[in-house]
Amino acid sequence: MTPQEQKIERLIQMAEKLMAALESDIEALKAGQTKTLKMIDPDIQRLSIVYSREMKSLDVQATRQTPPSLRQALRDATDRFRDLLKVHMRHLTRVRNASEGIIQAIARDVEKKRVAMRPYSSPKSIYRPQPTGAIVYNNVV
């Protein structure tokens, strides 16, 4: 087996490990268990960096001389990996938007209650303290 073929085999194996982590994350996100995400594991992050570096250094000319079945396996693994990344990103975006929405709703409610509790508050009052914003209430959630 040539060094290029060995490199392609390693890339396919790395992609399989990363896809397993992505699939696990997608299931965790669907179940609302964000604390069990695998992609934030340092080992998976290192694997992702190595995979990216190896893919960038892949010699296209040398790859054309490898067996077609190996090239097709790499192409299939890459396509599945990209598809899983898209699904993973969609689920992460949904969870992030929901979390931010909850935090902002809590911040608005707390601010509304603070304004209602201020004595002698009127719409024409000169001094108006600025709302502290949603980030302060992040620990409430």
Protein backbone atom coordinates (compact mmCIF):
# COMPACT_ATOMS: atom_id res chain seq x y z
CA MET A 1 0.00 0.00 0.00
CA THR A 2 1.41 3.40 -0.99
CA PRO A 3 1.77 6.26 1.50
CA GLN A 4 -1.01 8.13 -0.29
CA GLU A 5 -3.36 5.15 0.06
CA GLN A 6 -2.47 4.87 3.75
CA LYS A 7 -3.21 8.56 4.20
CA ILE A 8 -6.60 8.16 2.52
CA GLU A 9 -7.38 5.19 4.78
CA ARG A 10 -6.48 7.27 7.85
CA LEU A 11 -8.67 10.13 6.60
CA ILE A 12 -11.61 7.79 6.17
CA GLN A 13 -11.10 6.40 9.69
CA MET A 14 -10.88 9.90 11.17
CA ALA A 15 -14.01 10.93 9.30
CA GLU A 16 -15.85 7.88 10.67
CA LYS A 17 -14.88 8.80 14.25
CA LEU A 18 -15.94 12.39 13.73
CA MET A 19 -19.23 11.29 12.17
CA ALA A 20 -19.93 9.05 15.15
CA ALA A 21 -19.38 12.04 17.46
CA LEU A 22 -21.63 14.23 15.29
CA GLU A 23 -24.39 11.63 15.26
CA SER A 24 -24.16 11.36 19.04
CA ASP A 25 -24.37 15.15 19.34
CA ILE A 26 -27.36 15.34 17.03
CA GLU A 27 -29.21 12.79 19.17
CA ALA A 28 -28.24 14.66 22.34
CA LEU A 29 -29.44 17.96 20.87
CA LYS A 30 -32.73 16.38 19.83
CA ALA A 31 -33.17 15.13 23.40
CA GLY A 32 -32.16 18.50 24.85
CA GLN A 33 -29.08 17.11 26.60
CA THR A 34 -26.49 19.71 25.70
CA LYS A 35 -24.16 18.68 28.54
CA THR A 36 -23.38 15.36 26.82
CA LEU A 37 -22.07 16.79 23.54
CA LYS A 38 -19.06 14.90 22.18
CA MET A 39 -17.73 17.61 19.85
CA ILE A 40 -16.60 19.71 22.82
CA ASP A 41 -14.40 16.86 24.05
CA PRO A 42 -10.71 17.89 23.66
CA ASP A 43 -9.83 14.58 21.98
CA ILE A 44 -12.53 15.06 19.36
CA GLN A 45 -11.45 18.66 18.82
CA ARG A 46 -7.84 17.53 18.29
CA LEU A 47 -9.04 14.85 15.89
CA SER A 48 -11.02 17.48 14.00
CA ILE A 49 -7.94 19.70 13.69
CA VAL A 50 -5.78 16.80 12.49
CA TYR A 51 -8.47 15.75 10.01
CA SER A 52 -8.68 19.28 8.63
CA ARG A 53 -4.91 19.56 8.31
CA GLU A 54 -4.62 16.16 6.63
CA MET A 55 -7.40 16.95 4.16
CA LYS A 56 -5.73 20.22 3.21
CA SER A 57 -2.43 18.48 2.62
CA LEU A 58 -3.96 15.74 0.47
CA ASP A 59 -2.21 15.67 -2.91
CA VAL A 60 -4.88 15.63 -5.61
CA GLN A 61 -2.54 14.38 -8.32
CA ALA A 62 -1.35 11.46 -6.19
CA THR A 63 -4.92 10.69 -5.21
CA ARG A 64 -5.84 10.20 -8.86
CA GLN A 65 -3.38 7.31 -9.01
CA THR A 66 -5.02 5.44 -6.12
CA PRO A 67 -7.58 2.71 -6.77
CA PRO A 68 -11.02 4.06 -7.74
CA SER A 69 -12.70 2.17 -4.89
CA LEU A 70 -10.53 3.98 -2.34
CA ARG A 71 -11.19 7.36 -3.95
CA GLN A 72 -14.92 6.63 -3.94
CA ALA A 73 -14.80 5.61 -0.27
CA LEU A 74 -13.09 8.91 0.59
CA ARG A 75 -15.61 10.84 -1.48
CA ASP A 76 -18.54 9.06 0.21
CA ALA A 77 -17.11 9.62 3.68
CA THR A 78 -16.53 13.30 2.93
CA ASP A 79 -20.07 13.76 1.59
CA ARG A 80 -21.63 12.08 4.63
CA PHE A 81 -19.41 14.16 6.92
CA ARG A 82 -20.51 17.40 5.26
CA ASP A 83 -24.17 16.39 5.47
CA LEU A 84 -23.85 15.57 9.16
CA LEU A 85 -22.10 18.87 9.79
CA LYS A 86 -25.02 20.72 8.21
CA VAL A 87 -27.57 18.86 10.34
CA HIS A 88 -25.44 19.41 13.45
CA MET A 89 -25.20 23.14 12.74
CA ARG A 90 -28.97 23.40 12.25
CA HIS A 91 -29.63 21.75 15.61
CA LEU A 92 -27.02 23.88 17.38
CA THR A 93 -28.54 27.02 15.91
CA ARG A 94 -32.00 25.99 17.09
CA VAL A 95 -30.80 25.31 20.62
CA ARG A 96 -28.80 28.54 20.74
CA ASN A 97 -31.74 30.61 19.48
CA ALA A 98 -34.08 29.01 22.00
CA SER A 99 -31.62 29.59 24.87
CA GLU A 100 -31.03 33.20 23.90
CA GLY A 101 -34.77 33.76 23.55
CA ILE A 102 -35.38 32.41 27.04
CA ILE A 103 -32.62 34.57 28.51
CA GLN A 104 -33.94 37.69 26.79
CA ALA A 105 -37.51 36.97 27.91
CA ILE A 106 -36.34 36.57 31.51
CA ALA A 107 -34.33 39.80 31.29
CA ARG A 108 -37.35 41.71 29.93
CA ASP A 109 -39.56 40.32 32.69
CA VAL A 110 -37.05 41.17 35.43
CA GLU A 111 -36.62 44.68 34.04
CA LYS A 112 -40.38 45.15 33.87
CA LYS A 113 -40.70 44.11 37.52
CA ARG A 114 -37.85 46.39 38.56
CA VAL A 115 -39.49 49.36 36.86
CA ALA A 116 -42.83 48.58 38.49
CA MET A 117 -41.24 48.47 41.94
CA ARG A 118 -39.48 51.85 41.63
CA PRO A 119 -41.21 54.43 43.79
CA TYR A 120 -42.40 57.61 42.16
CA SER A 121 -41.54 56.39 38.72
CA SER A 122 -43.23 58.24 35.97
CA PRO A 123 -42.79 58.39 32.24
CA LYS A 124 -41.56 61.99 32.55
CA SER A 125 -38.87 61.16 35.08
CA ILE A 126 -35.51 62.75 34.28
CA TYR A 127 -33.32 59.96 35.59
CA ARG A 128 -33.78 56.61 33.89
CA PRO A 129 -31.27 53.90 34.71
CA GLN A 130 -30.34 51.81 31.71
CA PRO A 131 -31.48 48.20 31.74
CA THR A 132 -28.62 45.88 32.59
CA GLY A 133 -29.41 43.56 29.72
CA ALA A 134 -29.97 39.86 29.28
CA ILE A 135 -26.43 38.72 29.92
CA VAL A 136 -26.67 39.57 33.64
CA TYR A 137 -29.58 37.18 34.04
CA ASN A 138 -27.85 34.31 32.28
CA ASN A 139 -27.23 32.47 35.56
CA VAL A 140 -30.96 32.48 36.30
CA VAL A 141 -31.56 30.00 33.48
